[in-house]
Amino acid sequence: MKTENIHPIFDRMLQRKDKEELLKQRGVMIWFTGLSGSGKSTLAIALEHELHQRGLLCRILDGDNIRTGINNNLGFSDTDRIENIRRIAEVSKLFIDTGVITIAAFISPNNEVRELASSIVGKEDFVEVFISTPLAVCEQRDVKGLYAKARRGEIKDFTGISSPFEAPESPTLSLDTSTMDVHEAVERLIELTLPLLQR
């Protein structure tokens, strides 16, 4: 179908402010980036629980879950990685426009793809959190056995081993889970997040 045959109905729909007033919160994106095993998913889940206990509606989008669903047709080539992040950002924007606090946990290995996500979501709603746990620590954890497989050449284009990871240039927050426990990290995240949620 050609785009000229699409007639958006945005002007007749309830607006973001209507949803945020209903939920008594502001939609925002907390975007975790870092190596596999750095602690992104662990912190995303802990943050979700903490915000939920405070009566705030959240939605986690995690790499493993997204790649078994909406993005199950994508591989790990540069082109597919970009499309993976583009789709995630578009889905995230829908949640944010509904007033939902959206927590994304994705390797998102370079500034280009993170900038793409930020531009789709909207810079004013995009909070970048770098989980800066060193590669050696991530590899020691290796809960999925992925690093070992990548070292043996069984996984191609594996970030941190055969594919580079580019650290964010100026993240909103940087957390190293090798030097702080989950409780301390979540406290830092709550301090960052709560002021952003005021409508």
N, C-alpha and C. Protein backbone atom coordinates (compact mmCIF):
# COMPACT_ATOMS: atom_id res chain seq x y z
N MET A 1 0.84 -1.19 0.00
CA MET A 1 0.00 0.00 0.00
C MET A 1 0.88 1.24 0.00
N LYS A 2 0.58 2.16 -0.86
CA LYS A 2 1.36 3.39 -0.94
C LYS A 2 0.98 4.33 0.20
N THR A 3 1.97 5.12 0.62
CA THR A 3 1.73 6.01 1.76
C THR A 3 0.67 7.06 1.48
N GLU A 4 0.47 7.43 0.20
CA GLU A 4 -0.55 8.45 -0.08
C GLU A 4 -1.97 7.93 0.18
N ASN A 5 -2.10 6.59 0.32
CA ASN A 5 -3.41 6.01 0.62
C ASN A 5 -3.65 5.85 2.12
N ILE A 6 -2.67 6.28 2.93
CA ILE A 6 -2.80 6.19 4.38
C ILE A 6 -3.26 7.55 4.90
N HIS A 7 -4.32 7.54 5.69
CA HIS A 7 -4.87 8.79 6.21
C HIS A 7 -4.85 8.74 7.74
N PRO A 8 -3.80 9.28 8.37
CA PRO A 8 -3.69 9.22 9.84
C PRO A 8 -4.89 9.86 10.53
N ILE A 9 -5.23 9.31 11.69
CA ILE A 9 -6.37 9.84 12.46
C ILE A 9 -5.91 10.45 13.77
N PHE A 10 -4.63 10.84 13.84
CA PHE A 10 -4.05 11.33 15.08
C PHE A 10 -4.84 12.50 15.67
N ASP A 11 -5.36 13.35 14.81
CA ASP A 11 -6.03 14.55 15.31
C ASP A 11 -7.36 14.24 16.01
N ARG A 12 -7.89 13.03 15.80
CA ARG A 12 -9.16 12.65 16.43
C ARG A 12 -8.97 11.73 17.64
N MET A 13 -7.75 11.28 17.85
CA MET A 13 -7.45 10.38 18.97
C MET A 13 -7.21 11.18 20.24
N LEU A 14 -7.41 10.52 21.39
CA LEU A 14 -6.98 11.13 22.64
C LEU A 14 -5.48 11.38 22.58
N GLN A 15 -5.04 12.46 23.19
CA GLN A 15 -3.64 12.85 23.11
C GLN A 15 -2.83 12.30 24.28
N ARG A 16 -1.53 12.42 24.15
CA ARG A 16 -0.62 11.93 25.19
C ARG A 16 -0.95 12.53 26.55
N LYS A 17 -1.23 13.82 26.58
CA LYS A 17 -1.50 14.48 27.87
C LYS A 17 -2.73 13.88 28.54
N ASP A 18 -3.69 13.43 27.75
CA ASP A 18 -4.89 12.79 28.31
C ASP A 18 -4.53 11.49 29.01
N LYS A 19 -3.65 10.71 28.38
CA LYS A 19 -3.23 9.43 28.97
C LYS A 19 -2.38 9.67 30.22
N GLU A 20 -1.49 10.66 30.16
CA GLU A 20 -0.62 10.96 31.30
C GLU A 20 -1.44 11.46 32.49
N GLU A 21 -2.47 12.23 32.21
CA GLU A 21 -3.35 12.71 33.29
C GLU A 21 -4.09 11.54 33.93
N LEU A 22 -4.51 10.58 33.12
CA LEU A 22 -5.19 9.40 33.64
C LEU A 22 -4.26 8.60 34.55
N LEU A 23 -3.03 8.40 34.10
CA LEU A 23 -2.06 7.59 34.84
C LEU A 23 -1.37 8.37 35.96
N LYS A 24 -1.47 9.70 35.91
CA LYS A 24 -0.79 10.57 36.88
C LYS A 24 0.72 10.33 36.85
N GLN A 25 1.24 10.23 35.65
CA GLN A 25 2.68 10.08 35.45
C GLN A 25 3.01 10.55 34.05
N ARG A 26 4.30 10.75 33.80
CA ARG A 26 4.77 11.15 32.47
C ARG A 26 5.44 9.96 31.81
N GLY A 27 5.17 9.76 30.53
CA GLY A 27 5.85 8.72 29.78
C GLY A 27 7.29 9.12 29.52
N VAL A 28 8.20 8.17 29.66
CA VAL A 28 9.62 8.45 29.45
C VAL A 28 10.32 7.15 29.07
N MET A 29 11.43 7.26 28.36
CA MET A 29 12.23 6.10 27.97
C MET A 29 13.51 6.05 28.80
N ILE A 30 13.71 4.96 29.52
CA ILE A 30 14.98 4.70 30.20
C ILE A 30 15.68 3.64 29.36
N TRP A 31 16.72 4.05 28.65
CA TRP A 31 17.38 3.16 27.67
C TRP A 31 18.71 2.66 28.24
N PHE A 32 18.75 1.36 28.62
CA PHE A 32 19.97 0.74 29.11
C PHE A 32 20.79 0.23 27.93
N THR A 33 22.07 0.59 27.90
CA THR A 33 22.98 0.07 26.89
C THR A 33 24.22 -0.49 27.60
N GLY A 34 24.82 -1.52 27.02
CA GLY A 34 26.00 -2.14 27.60
C GLY A 34 26.19 -3.52 27.02
N LEU A 35 27.30 -4.12 27.35
CA LEU A 35 27.64 -5.44 26.84
C LEU A 35 26.70 -6.52 27.37
N SER A 36 26.65 -7.65 26.68
CA SER A 36 25.94 -8.81 27.18
C SER A 36 26.54 -9.21 28.53
N GLY A 37 25.71 -9.41 29.53
CA GLY A 37 26.19 -9.78 30.85
C GLY A 37 26.56 -8.62 31.74
N SER A 38 26.35 -7.40 31.25
CA SER A 38 26.74 -6.23 32.05
C SER A 38 25.77 -5.97 33.20
N GLY A 39 24.54 -6.45 33.08
CA GLY A 39 23.54 -6.24 34.13
C GLY A 39 22.33 -5.45 33.67
N LYS A 40 22.19 -5.24 32.37
CA LYS A 40 21.08 -4.43 31.85
C LYS A 40 19.72 -5.00 32.26
N SER A 41 19.48 -6.26 31.97
CA SER A 41 18.18 -6.86 32.25
C SER A 41 17.92 -6.93 33.75
N THR A 42 18.93 -7.27 34.52
CA THR A 42 18.78 -7.34 35.98
C THR A 42 18.35 -6.00 36.55
N LEU A 43 19.00 -4.93 36.10
CA LEU A 43 18.67 -3.59 36.60
C LEU A 43 17.32 -3.13 36.07
N ALA A 44 17.00 -3.47 34.83
CA ALA A 44 15.70 -3.10 34.26
C ALA A 44 14.57 -3.72 35.08
N ILE A 45 14.71 -4.99 35.41
CA ILE A 45 13.68 -5.69 36.19
C ILE A 45 13.59 -5.10 37.60
N ALA A 46 14.74 -4.84 38.22
CA ALA A 46 14.73 -4.26 39.57
C ALA A 46 14.12 -2.87 39.58
N LEU A 47 14.41 -2.07 38.55
CA LEU A 47 13.82 -0.74 38.45
C LEU A 47 12.31 -0.83 38.24
N GLU A 48 11.88 -1.75 37.38
CA GLU A 48 10.45 -1.93 37.15
C GLU A 48 9.73 -2.26 38.45
N HIS A 49 10.28 -3.17 39.24
CA HIS A 49 9.66 -3.56 40.51
C HIS A 49 9.57 -2.37 41.46
N GLU A 50 10.64 -1.59 41.54
CA GLU A 50 10.67 -0.44 42.44
C GLU A 50 9.63 0.60 42.01
N LEU A 51 9.54 0.89 40.74
CA LEU A 51 8.57 1.87 40.25
C LEU A 51 7.14 1.36 40.41
N HIS A 52 6.95 0.07 40.17
CA HIS A 52 5.62 -0.54 40.33
C HIS A 52 5.14 -0.41 41.77
N GLN A 53 6.04 -0.64 42.72
CA GLN A 53 5.69 -0.50 44.14
C GLN A 53 5.28 0.93 44.48
N ARG A 54 5.74 1.88 43.69
CA ARG A 54 5.38 3.27 43.90
C ARG A 54 4.13 3.66 43.12
N GLY A 55 3.47 2.67 42.52
CA GLY A 55 2.23 2.92 41.81
C GLY A 55 2.40 3.47 40.41
N LEU A 56 3.54 3.21 39.80
CA LEU A 56 3.84 3.73 38.47
C LEU A 56 3.82 2.60 37.45
N LEU A 57 3.21 2.87 36.29
CA LEU A 57 3.05 1.85 35.25
C LEU A 57 4.29 1.84 34.34
N CYS A 58 4.89 0.66 34.22
CA CYS A 58 6.11 0.50 33.42
C CYS A 58 5.94 -0.63 32.42
N ARG A 59 6.82 -0.62 31.40
CA ARG A 59 6.90 -1.73 30.45
C ARG A 59 8.36 -1.94 30.11
N ILE A 60 8.85 -3.17 30.31
CA ILE A 60 10.22 -3.50 29.93
C ILE A 60 10.24 -4.06 28.51
N LEU A 61 11.16 -3.57 27.71
CA LEU A 61 11.46 -4.15 26.40
C LEU A 61 12.88 -4.67 26.49
N ASP A 62 13.04 -5.97 26.30
CA ASP A 62 14.34 -6.62 26.48
C ASP A 62 14.75 -7.32 25.19
N GLY A 63 16.07 -7.32 24.94
CA GLY A 63 16.59 -7.87 23.70
C GLY A 63 16.13 -9.28 23.39
N ASP A 64 16.19 -10.16 24.38
CA ASP A 64 15.82 -11.56 24.14
C ASP A 64 14.35 -11.69 23.78
N ASN A 65 13.49 -10.97 24.50
CA ASN A 65 12.06 -11.08 24.24
C ASN A 65 11.68 -10.48 22.89
N ILE A 66 12.26 -9.33 22.57
CA ILE A 66 11.94 -8.68 21.29
C ILE A 66 12.39 -9.54 20.11
N ARG A 67 13.55 -10.16 20.25
CA ARG A 67 14.08 -10.96 19.13
C ARG A 67 13.36 -12.29 18.95
N THR A 68 12.57 -12.71 19.92
CA THR A 68 11.76 -13.92 19.73
C THR A 68 10.36 -13.56 19.28
N GLY A 69 10.05 -12.26 19.20
CA GLY A 69 8.73 -11.83 18.79
C GLY A 69 8.78 -10.93 17.57
N ILE A 70 8.57 -9.64 17.78
CA ILE A 70 8.44 -8.69 16.67
C ILE A 70 9.66 -8.66 15.75
N ASN A 71 10.83 -8.97 16.29
CA ASN A 71 12.05 -8.92 15.47
C ASN A 71 12.66 -10.30 15.22
N ASN A 72 11.83 -11.32 15.21
CA ASN A 72 12.38 -12.67 15.06
C ASN A 72 12.89 -12.97 13.65
N ASN A 73 12.67 -12.05 12.73
CA ASN A 73 13.18 -12.24 11.36
C ASN A 73 14.51 -11.53 11.13
N LEU A 74 15.08 -10.94 12.18
CA LEU A 74 16.33 -10.19 12.03
C LEU A 74 17.52 -10.97 12.57
N GLY A 75 18.66 -10.79 11.89
CA GLY A 75 19.90 -11.38 12.35
C GLY A 75 20.75 -10.34 13.06
N PHE A 76 22.07 -10.46 12.91
CA PHE A 76 22.98 -9.57 13.63
C PHE A 76 23.94 -8.83 12.69
N SER A 77 23.57 -8.73 11.42
CA SER A 77 24.34 -7.91 10.50
C SER A 77 24.16 -6.45 10.90
N ASP A 78 24.99 -5.57 10.39
CA ASP A 78 24.86 -4.14 10.71
C ASP A 78 23.48 -3.62 10.32
N THR A 79 23.01 -4.04 9.15
CA THR A 79 21.69 -3.59 8.67
C THR A 79 20.58 -4.08 9.60
N ASP A 80 20.67 -5.35 10.01
CA ASP A 80 19.63 -5.91 10.88
C ASP A 80 19.69 -5.31 12.28
N ARG A 81 20.88 -5.00 12.76
CA ARG A 81 21.00 -4.37 14.08
C ARG A 81 20.33 -3.00 14.08
N ILE A 82 20.52 -2.26 13.00
CA ILE A 82 19.89 -0.94 12.89
C ILE A 82 18.37 -1.08 12.83
N GLU A 83 17.89 -2.02 12.04
CA GLU A 83 16.43 -2.23 11.93
C GLU A 83 15.86 -2.71 13.26
N ASN A 84 16.60 -3.54 13.98
CA ASN A 84 16.18 -4.01 15.30
C ASN A 84 15.93 -2.82 16.23
N ILE A 85 16.87 -1.90 16.28
CA ILE A 85 16.74 -0.73 17.15
C ILE A 85 15.64 0.20 16.64
N ARG A 86 15.53 0.35 15.33
CA ARG A 86 14.49 1.23 14.78
C ARG A 86 13.09 0.75 15.20
N ARG A 87 12.85 -0.55 15.06
CA ARG A 87 11.54 -1.09 15.44
C ARG A 87 11.29 -0.93 16.93
N ILE A 88 12.32 -1.21 17.72
CA ILE A 88 12.19 -1.07 19.18
C ILE A 88 11.83 0.36 19.54
N ALA A 89 12.50 1.32 18.91
CA ALA A 89 12.23 2.72 19.21
C ALA A 89 10.81 3.12 18.81
N GLU A 90 10.34 2.61 17.67
CA GLU A 90 8.98 2.93 17.23
C GLU A 90 7.94 2.35 18.20
N VAL A 91 8.16 1.12 18.65
CA VAL A 91 7.26 0.51 19.63
C VAL A 91 7.32 1.29 20.95
N SER A 92 8.54 1.66 21.34
CA SER A 92 8.72 2.42 22.58
C SER A 92 7.95 3.73 22.54
N LYS A 93 7.99 4.39 21.41
CA LYS A 93 7.30 5.68 21.27
C LYS A 93 5.80 5.51 21.50
N LEU A 94 5.23 4.40 21.06
CA LEU A 94 3.82 4.14 21.29
C LEU A 94 3.52 4.04 22.79
N PHE A 95 4.38 3.33 23.51
CA PHE A 95 4.20 3.21 24.96
C PHE A 95 4.34 4.57 25.63
N ILE A 96 5.37 5.31 25.26
CA ILE A 96 5.63 6.62 25.88
C ILE A 96 4.48 7.57 25.61
N ASP A 97 3.95 7.55 24.40
CA ASP A 97 2.82 8.41 24.05
C ASP A 97 1.54 7.99 24.78
N THR A 98 1.56 6.82 25.40
CA THR A 98 0.43 6.36 26.21
C THR A 98 0.70 6.63 27.69
N GLY A 99 1.81 7.30 27.99
CA GLY A 99 2.13 7.67 29.36
C GLY A 99 2.85 6.61 30.14
N VAL A 100 3.32 5.57 29.47
CA VAL A 100 3.97 4.45 30.15
C VAL A 100 5.48 4.70 30.26
N ILE A 101 6.02 4.43 31.44
CA ILE A 101 7.46 4.49 31.64
C ILE A 101 8.04 3.26 30.95
N THR A 102 8.85 3.47 29.93
CA THR A 102 9.35 2.37 29.12
C THR A 102 10.83 2.16 29.41
N ILE A 103 11.17 0.93 29.78
CA ILE A 103 12.53 0.58 30.16
C ILE A 103 13.08 -0.38 29.11
N ALA A 104 14.08 0.07 28.37
CA ALA A 104 14.65 -0.75 27.30
C ALA A 104 16.01 -1.28 27.73
N ALA A 105 16.27 -2.55 27.46
CA ALA A 105 17.55 -3.16 27.80
C ALA A 105 18.12 -3.83 26.55
N PHE A 106 18.98 -3.09 25.85
CA PHE A 106 19.53 -3.56 24.58
C PHE A 106 21.00 -3.22 24.50
N ILE A 107 21.79 -4.11 23.93
CA ILE A 107 23.22 -3.84 23.77
C ILE A 107 23.40 -2.53 23.01
N SER A 108 22.64 -2.32 21.94
CA SER A 108 22.72 -1.10 21.10
C SER A 108 24.16 -0.61 21.03
N PRO A 109 24.98 -1.28 20.22
CA PRO A 109 26.44 -1.23 20.36
C PRO A 109 27.17 0.03 19.90
N ASN A 110 26.47 1.00 19.30
CA ASN A 110 27.21 2.19 18.88
C ASN A 110 26.33 3.44 18.97
N ASN A 111 27.01 4.57 18.88
CA ASN A 111 26.30 5.85 19.02
C ASN A 111 25.28 6.06 17.90
N GLU A 112 25.57 5.51 16.72
CA GLU A 112 24.65 5.69 15.59
C GLU A 112 23.27 5.11 15.89
N VAL A 113 23.22 3.87 16.39
CA VAL A 113 21.92 3.25 16.64
C VAL A 113 21.23 3.88 17.84
N ARG A 114 22.02 4.29 18.84
CA ARG A 114 21.40 4.95 20.00
C ARG A 114 20.86 6.33 19.63
N GLU A 115 21.56 7.02 18.73
CA GLU A 115 21.07 8.31 18.24
C GLU A 115 19.80 8.12 17.42
N LEU A 116 19.74 7.03 16.64
CA LEU A 116 18.53 6.70 15.89
C LEU A 116 17.36 6.52 16.84
N ALA A 117 17.56 5.73 17.90
CA ALA A 117 16.50 5.49 18.88
C ALA A 117 16.06 6.79 19.53
N SER A 118 17.02 7.61 19.91
CA SER A 118 16.72 8.90 20.55
C SER A 118 15.92 9.80 19.63
N SER A 119 16.27 9.83 18.35
CA SER A 119 15.58 10.71 17.41
C SER A 119 14.14 10.26 17.17
N ILE A 120 13.90 8.94 17.21
CA ILE A 120 12.54 8.42 17.03
C ILE A 120 11.70 8.66 18.27
N VAL A 121 12.26 8.33 19.42
CA VAL A 121 11.54 8.49 20.69
C VAL A 121 11.31 9.96 21.00
N GLY A 122 12.33 10.77 20.71
CA GLY A 122 12.30 12.19 21.07
C GLY A 122 13.32 12.44 22.16
N LYS A 123 14.25 13.32 21.90
CA LYS A 123 15.37 13.54 22.83
C LYS A 123 14.90 13.94 24.22
N GLU A 124 13.77 14.66 24.29
CA GLU A 124 13.28 15.11 25.59
C GLU A 124 12.74 13.96 26.44
N ASP A 125 12.47 12.81 25.81
CA ASP A 125 11.93 11.65 26.51
C ASP A 125 12.95 10.51 26.64
N PHE A 126 14.15 10.71 26.12
CA PHE A 126 15.13 9.63 26.01
C PHE A 126 16.22 9.79 27.07
N VAL A 127 16.31 8.83 27.98
CA VAL A 127 17.31 8.85 29.05
C VAL A 127 18.25 7.68 28.84
N GLU A 128 19.50 7.97 28.54
CA GLU A 128 20.48 6.92 28.23
C GLU A 128 21.26 6.54 29.48
N VAL A 129 21.20 5.26 29.83
CA VAL A 129 21.92 4.74 30.99
C VAL A 129 22.92 3.70 30.49
N PHE A 130 24.20 3.99 30.69
CA PHE A 130 25.26 3.10 30.24
C PHE A 130 25.65 2.17 31.38
N ILE A 131 25.46 0.88 31.17
CA ILE A 131 25.91 -0.12 32.15
C ILE A 131 27.33 -0.48 31.75
N SER A 132 28.29 0.17 32.43
CA SER A 132 29.69 0.20 31.98
C SER A 132 30.54 -0.94 32.53
N THR A 133 29.90 -2.00 32.98
CA THR A 133 30.61 -3.16 33.51
C THR A 133 31.67 -3.64 32.51
N PRO A 134 32.94 -3.82 32.96
CA PRO A 134 34.01 -4.19 32.03
C PRO A 134 33.78 -5.54 31.34
N LEU A 135 34.33 -5.66 30.15
CA LEU A 135 34.21 -6.89 29.36
C LEU A 135 34.65 -8.12 30.16
N ALA A 136 35.77 -8.02 30.88
CA ALA A 136 36.29 -9.18 31.62
C ALA A 136 35.27 -9.69 32.63
N VAL A 137 34.57 -8.78 33.28
CA VAL A 137 33.54 -9.17 34.26
C VAL A 137 32.34 -9.79 33.55
N CYS A 138 31.92 -9.17 32.47
CA CYS A 138 30.79 -9.71 31.69
C CYS A 138 31.11 -11.13 31.22
N GLU A 139 32.33 -11.31 30.80
CA GLU A 139 32.74 -12.63 30.28
C GLU A 139 32.80 -13.66 31.39
N GLN A 140 33.20 -13.24 32.59
CA GLN A 140 33.23 -14.17 33.73
C GLN A 140 31.82 -14.64 34.08
N ARG A 141 30.87 -13.73 33.99
CA ARG A 141 29.48 -14.08 34.30
C ARG A 141 28.93 -15.04 33.25
N ASP A 142 29.03 -14.67 32.00
CA ASP A 142 28.68 -15.50 30.83
C ASP A 142 27.54 -16.47 31.10
N VAL A 143 26.44 -15.96 31.67
CA VAL A 143 25.36 -16.84 32.09
C VAL A 143 24.73 -17.62 30.93
N LYS A 144 24.85 -17.09 29.74
CA LYS A 144 24.26 -17.77 28.58
C LYS A 144 25.30 -18.58 27.79
N GLY A 145 26.55 -18.51 28.21
CA GLY A 145 27.60 -19.23 27.50
C GLY A 145 27.96 -18.62 26.16
N LEU A 146 27.52 -17.36 25.92
CA LEU A 146 27.71 -16.74 24.61
C LEU A 146 29.15 -16.33 24.35
N TYR A 147 29.80 -15.78 25.37
CA TYR A 147 31.19 -15.35 25.17
C TYR A 147 32.09 -16.54 24.83
N ALA A 148 31.88 -17.64 25.51
CA ALA A 148 32.68 -18.84 25.23
C ALA A 148 32.48 -19.29 23.79
N LYS A 149 31.24 -19.28 23.34
CA LYS A 149 30.96 -19.67 21.95
C LYS A 149 31.59 -18.68 20.97
N ALA A 150 31.51 -17.39 21.30
CA ALA A 150 32.10 -16.37 20.42
C ALA A 150 33.61 -16.53 20.35
N ARG A 151 34.24 -16.84 21.47
CA ARG A 151 35.70 -17.05 21.50
C ARG A 151 36.09 -18.25 20.65
N ARG A 152 35.20 -19.23 20.58
CA ARG A 152 35.48 -20.43 19.76
C ARG A 152 35.09 -20.22 18.31
N GLY A 153 34.55 -19.05 17.99
CA GLY A 153 34.15 -18.76 16.62
C GLY A 153 32.81 -19.33 16.24
N GLU A 154 32.04 -19.79 17.23
CA GLU A 154 30.74 -20.40 16.95
C GLU A 154 29.64 -19.35 16.76
N ILE A 155 29.88 -18.13 17.26
CA ILE A 155 28.94 -17.02 17.06
C ILE A 155 29.68 -15.91 16.35
N LYS A 156 29.16 -15.50 15.21
CA LYS A 156 29.78 -14.41 14.46
C LYS A 156 29.18 -13.08 14.90
N ASP A 157 29.93 -12.00 14.70
CA ASP A 157 29.45 -10.65 14.98
C ASP A 157 28.95 -10.50 16.42
N PHE A 158 29.70 -11.08 17.36
CA PHE A 158 29.29 -11.00 18.77
C PHE A 158 29.93 -9.76 19.40
N THR A 159 29.09 -8.88 19.93
CA THR A 159 29.55 -7.60 20.46
C THR A 159 30.52 -7.80 21.62
N GLY A 160 31.65 -7.12 21.52
CA GLY A 160 32.68 -7.20 22.54
C GLY A 160 33.79 -8.17 22.18
N ILE A 161 33.51 -9.10 21.26
CA ILE A 161 34.52 -10.09 20.85
C ILE A 161 34.85 -9.90 19.37
N SER A 162 33.91 -10.21 18.49
CA SER A 162 34.16 -10.10 17.06
C SER A 162 33.46 -8.91 16.43
N SER A 163 32.73 -8.16 17.24
CA SER A 163 32.06 -6.94 16.78
C SER A 163 32.24 -5.88 17.87
N PRO A 164 32.58 -4.66 17.50
CA PRO A 164 32.94 -3.65 18.50
C PRO A 164 31.74 -3.12 19.28
N PHE A 165 32.01 -2.65 20.51
CA PHE A 165 31.04 -1.91 21.29
C PHE A 165 31.59 -0.50 21.49
N GLU A 166 30.80 0.49 21.12
CA GLU A 166 31.20 1.89 21.25
C GLU A 166 30.48 2.48 22.46
N ALA A 167 31.25 2.85 23.47
CA ALA A 167 30.65 3.41 24.69
C ALA A 167 29.97 4.73 24.39
N PRO A 168 28.85 5.02 25.06
CA PRO A 168 28.17 6.30 24.85
C PRO A 168 29.10 7.48 25.16
N GLU A 169 28.94 8.54 24.40
CA GLU A 169 29.79 9.71 24.58
C GLU A 169 29.41 10.52 25.80
N SER A 170 28.11 10.65 26.05
CA SER A 170 27.66 11.44 27.21
C SER A 170 26.34 10.88 27.74
N PRO A 171 26.39 9.69 28.36
CA PRO A 171 25.16 9.11 28.90
C PRO A 171 24.62 9.95 30.05
N THR A 172 23.33 9.85 30.27
CA THR A 172 22.72 10.55 31.40
C THR A 172 23.25 9.99 32.71
N LEU A 173 23.48 8.69 32.75
CA LEU A 173 23.98 8.01 33.94
C LEU A 173 24.83 6.83 33.51
N SER A 174 25.91 6.58 34.25
CA SER A 174 26.76 5.42 33.99
C SER A 174 26.85 4.59 35.28
N LEU A 175 26.62 3.29 35.15
CA LEU A 175 26.63 2.39 36.30
C LEU A 175 27.50 1.18 36.00
N ASP A 176 28.39 0.85 36.90
CA ASP A 176 29.28 -0.31 36.76
C ASP A 176 28.86 -1.35 37.79
N THR A 177 28.24 -2.44 37.35
CA THR A 177 27.72 -3.43 38.28
C THR A 177 28.81 -4.31 38.88
N SER A 178 30.06 -4.07 38.48
CA SER A 178 31.15 -4.78 39.13
C SER A 178 31.62 -4.05 40.39
N THR A 179 31.16 -2.80 40.56
CA THR A 179 31.59 -2.01 41.72
C THR A 179 30.42 -1.60 42.62
N MET A 180 29.19 -1.95 42.23
CA MET A 180 28.04 -1.65 43.07
C MET A 180 27.03 -2.78 42.96
N ASP A 181 26.26 -2.99 44.03
CA ASP A 181 25.24 -4.04 43.98
C ASP A 181 23.95 -3.50 43.36
N VAL A 182 23.01 -4.39 43.17
CA VAL A 182 21.76 -4.03 42.50
C VAL A 182 21.02 -2.95 43.29
N HIS A 183 20.98 -3.09 44.61
CA HIS A 183 20.27 -2.11 45.44
C HIS A 183 20.83 -0.71 45.25
N GLU A 184 22.14 -0.59 45.29
CA GLU A 184 22.77 0.72 45.12
C GLU A 184 22.50 1.28 43.73
N ALA A 185 22.59 0.43 42.72
CA ALA A 185 22.34 0.89 41.34
C ALA A 185 20.90 1.36 41.17
N VAL A 186 19.95 0.63 41.74
CA VAL A 186 18.54 1.01 41.61
C VAL A 186 18.28 2.32 42.35
N GLU A 187 18.92 2.52 43.48
CA GLU A 187 18.78 3.80 44.18
C GLU A 187 19.21 4.95 43.28
N ARG A 188 20.33 4.77 42.60
CA ARG A 188 20.80 5.80 41.66
C ARG A 188 19.78 6.02 40.54
N LEU A 189 19.21 4.93 40.05
CA LEU A 189 18.23 5.02 38.97
C LEU A 189 16.95 5.71 39.43
N ILE A 190 16.52 5.43 40.63
CA ILE A 190 15.32 6.07 41.17
C ILE A 190 15.56 7.57 41.34
N GLU A 191 16.72 7.93 41.85
CA GLU A 191 17.06 9.35 42.00
C GLU A 191 17.01 10.06 40.65
N LEU A 192 17.43 9.37 39.61
CA LEU A 192 17.40 9.94 38.26
C LEU A 192 15.98 9.99 37.70
N THR A 193 15.23 8.92 37.90
CA THR A 193 13.96 8.73 37.21
C THR A 193 12.80 9.53 37.80
N LEU A 194 12.65 9.51 39.10
CA LEU A 194 11.45 10.11 39.71
C LEU A 194 11.20 11.56 39.31
N PRO A 195 12.23 12.41 39.27
CA PRO A 195 11.96 13.80 38.86
C PRO A 195 11.48 13.93 37.41
N LEU A 196 11.79 12.94 36.59
CA LEU A 196 11.40 13.00 35.18
C LEU A 196 9.94 12.64 34.96
N LEU A 197 9.31 12.04 35.97
CA LEU A 197 7.98 11.49 35.80
C LEU A 197 6.88 12.47 36.14
N GLN A 198 7.26 13.66 36.59
CA GLN A 198 6.25 14.66 36.92
C GLN A 198 5.62 15.21 35.65
N ARG A 199 4.31 15.22 35.60
CA ARG A 199 3.60 15.73 34.43
C ARG A 199 3.70 17.24 34.36
